[in-house]
Protein backbone atom coordinates (compact mmCIF):
# COMPACT_ATOMS: atom_id res chain seq x y z
CA UNK A 1 0.00 0.00 0.00
CA UNK A 2 1.46 3.40 -0.94
CA UNK A 3 2.10 6.21 1.52
CA UNK A 4 -0.44 8.39 -0.27
CA UNK A 5 -3.13 5.77 0.27
CA UNK A 6 -2.24 5.51 3.95
CA UNK A 7 -2.83 9.23 4.36
CA UNK A 8 -6.32 9.06 2.89
CA UNK A 9 -9.39 8.47 5.08
CA UNK A 10 -11.10 5.11 4.54
CA UNK A 11 -14.14 5.14 2.21
CA UNK A 12 -16.42 4.36 5.15
CA UNK A 13 -15.60 7.68 6.83
CA UNK A 14 -18.07 10.42 5.88
CA UNK A 15 -15.94 13.42 4.78
CA UNK A 16 -18.75 15.78 5.83
CA UNK A 17 -18.64 14.34 9.36
CA UNK A 18 -14.87 14.76 9.50
CA UNK A 19 -15.18 18.41 8.41
CA UNK A 20 -17.93 19.00 10.97
CA UNK A 21 -15.69 17.65 13.73
CA UNK A 22 -12.84 19.96 12.70
CA UNK A 23 -15.15 22.97 12.71
CA UNK A 24 -16.53 21.93 16.10
CA UNK A 25 -13.01 21.55 17.51
CA UNK A 26 -11.92 25.03 16.36
CA UNK A 27 -15.13 26.70 17.57
CA UNK A 28 -14.96 25.05 20.99
CA UNK A 29 -11.27 25.86 21.47
CA UNK A 30 -11.88 29.52 20.60
CA UNK A 31 -14.90 29.81 22.89
CA UNK A 32 -12.94 28.25 25.76
CA UNK A 33 -10.55 31.21 25.80
CA UNK A 34 -13.39 33.73 25.39
CA UNK A 35 -15.41 32.30 28.27
CA UNK A 36 -12.46 31.88 30.63
CA UNK A 37 -11.63 35.57 30.25
CA UNK A 38 -15.27 36.63 30.51
CA UNK A 39 -16.03 34.29 33.41
CA UNK A 40 -13.19 35.63 35.55
CA UNK A 41 -14.04 39.21 34.64
CA UNK A 42 -17.72 38.78 35.45
CA UNK A 43 -17.17 36.52 38.47
CA UNK A 44 -19.59 33.99 36.97
CA UNK A 45 -19.34 30.33 37.93
CA UNK A 46 -21.74 29.32 35.17
CA UNK A 47 -19.55 30.99 32.53
CA UNK A 48 -16.43 29.35 33.95
CA UNK A 49 -18.23 26.01 34.01
CA UNK A 50 -19.23 26.50 30.39
CA UNK A 51 -15.63 27.41 29.53
CA UNK A 52 -14.38 24.17 31.07
CA UNK A 53 -17.05 22.35 29.10
CA UNK A 54 -15.81 24.00 25.88
CA UNK A 55 -12.29 22.83 26.67
CA UNK A 56 -13.46 19.29 27.34
CA UNK A 57 -15.51 19.26 24.16
CA UNK A 58 -12.57 20.49 22.08
CA UNK A 59 -10.50 17.62 23.47
CA UNK A 60 -13.36 15.21 22.80
CA UNK A 61 -13.69 16.33 19.18
CA UNK A 62 -9.95 15.85 18.75
CA UNK A 63 -10.22 12.36 20.20
CA UNK A 64 -13.15 11.60 17.91
CA UNK A 65 -11.09 12.67 14.88
CA UNK A 66 -8.20 10.48 16.03
CA UNK A 67 -10.33 7.31 16.20
CA UNK A 68 -12.76 8.11 13.39
CA UNK A 69 -11.40 5.49 10.98
CA UNK A 70 -10.75 2.83 13.61
CA UNK A 71 -12.85 -0.15 14.69
CA UNK A 72 -16.12 0.06 16.60
CA UNK A 73 -14.35 -1.29 19.68
CA UNK A 74 -11.69 1.44 19.57
CA UNK A 75 -14.32 4.13 19.07
CA UNK A 76 -16.34 2.70 21.96
CA UNK A 77 -13.28 2.81 24.23
CA UNK A 78 -12.73 6.43 23.18
CA UNK A 79 -16.36 7.11 24.11
CA UNK A 80 -15.64 5.65 27.57
CA UNK A 81 -12.86 8.20 28.01
CA UNK A 82 -15.20 10.98 26.95
CA UNK A 83 -17.89 9.76 29.34
CA UNK A 84 -15.35 9.90 32.16
CA UNK A 85 -14.42 13.48 31.19
CA UNK A 86 -18.07 14.54 31.12
CA UNK A 87 -18.66 13.00 34.54
CA UNK A 88 -15.53 14.64 35.97
CA UNK A 89 -16.71 18.00 34.66
CA UNK A 90 -20.09 17.52 36.34
CA UNK A 91 -18.56 16.61 39.69
CA UNK A 92 -16.13 19.55 39.53
CA UNK A 93 -18.87 22.10 38.79
CA UNK A 94 -21.07 20.77 41.60
CA UNK A 95 -18.14 21.12 43.97
CA UNK A 96 -17.42 24.67 42.84
CA UNK A 97 -21.08 25.60 43.20
CA UNK A 98 -21.14 24.26 46.76
CA UNK A 99 -17.98 26.23 47.58
CA UNK A 100 -19.36 29.43 45.99
CA UNK A 101 -22.40 29.27 48.26
CA UNK A 102 -20.14 30.46 51.07
CA UNK A 103 -19.42 33.84 49.43
CA UNK A 104 -22.64 34.51 47.52
CA UNK A 105 -21.15 37.49 45.61
CA UNK A 106 -23.29 38.14 42.51
CA UNK A 107 -21.56 38.10 39.09
CA UNK A 108 -21.72 40.89 36.51
CA UNK A 109 -24.86 40.13 34.46
CA UNK A 110 -24.17 42.11 31.25
CA UNK A 111 -20.95 40.25 30.47
CA UNK A 112 -22.65 36.98 31.35
CA UNK A 113 -25.53 37.63 28.96
CA UNK A 114 -23.49 38.86 26.00
CA UNK A 115 -20.98 36.00 26.16
CA UNK A 116 -23.74 33.42 26.72
CA UNK A 117 -25.51 34.59 23.54
CA UNK A 118 -22.23 34.45 21.60
CA UNK A 119 -21.61 30.92 22.88
CA UNK A 120 -25.18 29.93 22.02
CA UNK A 121 -24.71 31.05 18.42
CA UNK A 122 -21.47 29.04 18.20
CA UNK A 123 -22.94 25.91 19.74
CA UNK A 124 -26.20 26.08 17.82
CA UNK A 125 -24.23 26.08 14.59
CA UNK A 126 -22.16 23.10 15.71
CA UNK A 127 -25.24 21.22 16.93
CA UNK A 128 -27.00 21.76 13.59
CA UNK A 129 -23.98 20.35 11.74
CA UNK A 130 -23.89 17.27 13.97
CA UNK A 131 -27.64 16.67 14.26
CA UNK A 132 -27.76 14.11 11.44
CA UNK A 133 -25.15 11.96 13.24
CA UNK A 134 -26.93 11.79 16.62
CA UNK A 135 -28.09 8.18 16.09
CA UNK A 136 -24.67 6.76 15.21
CA UNK A 137 -22.33 4.73 17.40
CA UNK A 138 -21.31 5.68 20.94
CA UNK A 139 -18.55 7.93 19.65
CA UNK A 140 -20.93 9.87 17.37
CA UNK A 141 -23.58 9.97 20.08
CA UNK A 142 -21.13 11.42 22.59
CA UNK A 143 -20.25 14.20 20.12
CA UNK A 144 -23.94 15.02 19.58
CA UNK A 145 -24.71 14.97 23.32
CA UNK A 146 -21.82 17.35 24.02
CA UNK A 147 -23.10 19.81 21.42
CA UNK A 148 -26.70 19.54 22.60
CA UNK A 149 -25.73 20.06 26.24
CA UNK A 150 -23.63 23.07 25.31
CA UNK A 151 -26.51 24.79 23.53
CA UNK A 152 -28.86 24.10 26.45
CA UNK A 153 -26.22 25.36 28.85
CA UNK A 154 -25.79 28.60 26.91
CA UNK A 155 -29.52 29.32 27.06
CA UNK A 156 -29.42 28.64 30.79
CA UNK A 157 -26.46 30.99 31.33
CA UNK A 158 -28.30 33.76 29.44
CA UNK A 159 -31.35 33.21 31.65
CA UNK A 160 -29.10 33.23 34.72
CA UNK A 161 -27.75 36.62 33.63
CA UNK A 162 -31.31 37.94 33.53
CA UNK A 163 -31.94 36.43 36.96
CA UNK A 164 -28.79 37.97 38.45
CA UNK A 165 -29.70 41.35 36.96
CA UNK A 166 -33.23 41.18 38.33
CA UNK A 167 -32.42 39.88 41.82
CA UNK A 168 -28.89 41.11 42.48
CA UNK A 169 -28.17 37.64 43.82
CA UNK A 170 -25.66 34.92 42.89
CA UNK A 171 -28.31 32.21 43.17
CA UNK A 172 -29.34 32.15 39.47
CA UNK A 173 -25.69 31.74 38.44
CA UNK A 174 -25.11 28.90 40.92
CA UNK A 175 -28.38 27.17 40.01
CA UNK A 176 -27.47 27.16 36.31
CA UNK A 177 -24.00 25.83 37.09
CA UNK A 178 -25.65 22.97 38.99
CA UNK A 179 -28.01 22.25 36.04
CA UNK A 180 -25.06 22.15 33.64
CA UNK A 181 -23.29 19.72 35.95
CA UNK A 182 -26.38 17.50 35.99
CA UNK A 183 -26.52 17.52 32.17
CA UNK A 184 -22.89 16.43 32.05
CA UNK A 185 -23.53 13.57 34.49
CA UNK A 186 -26.64 12.30 32.69
CA UNK A 187 -24.91 12.62 29.31
CA UNK A 188 -21.94 10.64 30.63
CA UNK A 189 -24.26 7.90 31.84
CA UNK A 190 -25.95 7.68 28.40
CA UNK A 191 -22.65 7.48 26.52
CA UNK A 192 -21.25 4.95 29.00
CA UNK A 193 -24.28 2.69 28.56
CA UNK A 194 -24.06 2.67 24.76
CA UNK A 195 -20.27 2.20 24.76
CA UNK A 196 -20.57 -0.81 27.05
CA UNK A 197 -23.19 -2.33 24.74
CA UNK A 198 -20.86 -1.89 21.77
CA UNK A 199 -17.97 -3.48 23.67
CA UNK A 200 -20.04 -6.43 24.90
CA UNK A 201 -19.77 -8.59 21.72
CA UNK A 202 -15.99 -8.31 21.68
CA UNK A 203 -15.79 -9.21 25.36
CA UNK A 204 -18.06 -12.25 24.82
CA UNK A 205 -15.71 -13.62 22.14
CA UNK A 206 -12.75 -13.79 24.52
């Protein structure tokens, strides 16, 4: 087999899906830096939580690209790693929310709202690109769930900004952070379940 053939993706790999993953990776990496800066400036836990989620998703999209042309078993194992990352994100955000309850200082709502709407536009575009692949294997499903959760999280952060503005309290910000953590935990459980089902036939053959 020639070197040029080795560098080409296998025929079974949908080029449109590969391109969508690259776009998703770049968008998520860019929004990570935007939301980290905005989250610290605004003092918003929900924005920082969303920034961490963007970072995790960028890494997940990179992992998905790395295993895209590999066997179902390899992709399922990659999905297990992503499920673990999603669960770790959820646990971390819940812990930060519990710690933030001690201070209760409200974040700056205008920055929260503007950045949340920007992130929503980015994630909505990614989710629309990946929508057609939502019923694929565990690896594809994990990518779709990440994008869906991000878009839901962005809407929630925007609503939290309105709540902080209206009440002058940190509670809306903390509540949204807790919701985002719950989405990450439930999404991780869904991906884990499907990945284990895909790995079961291989395990039974041993």
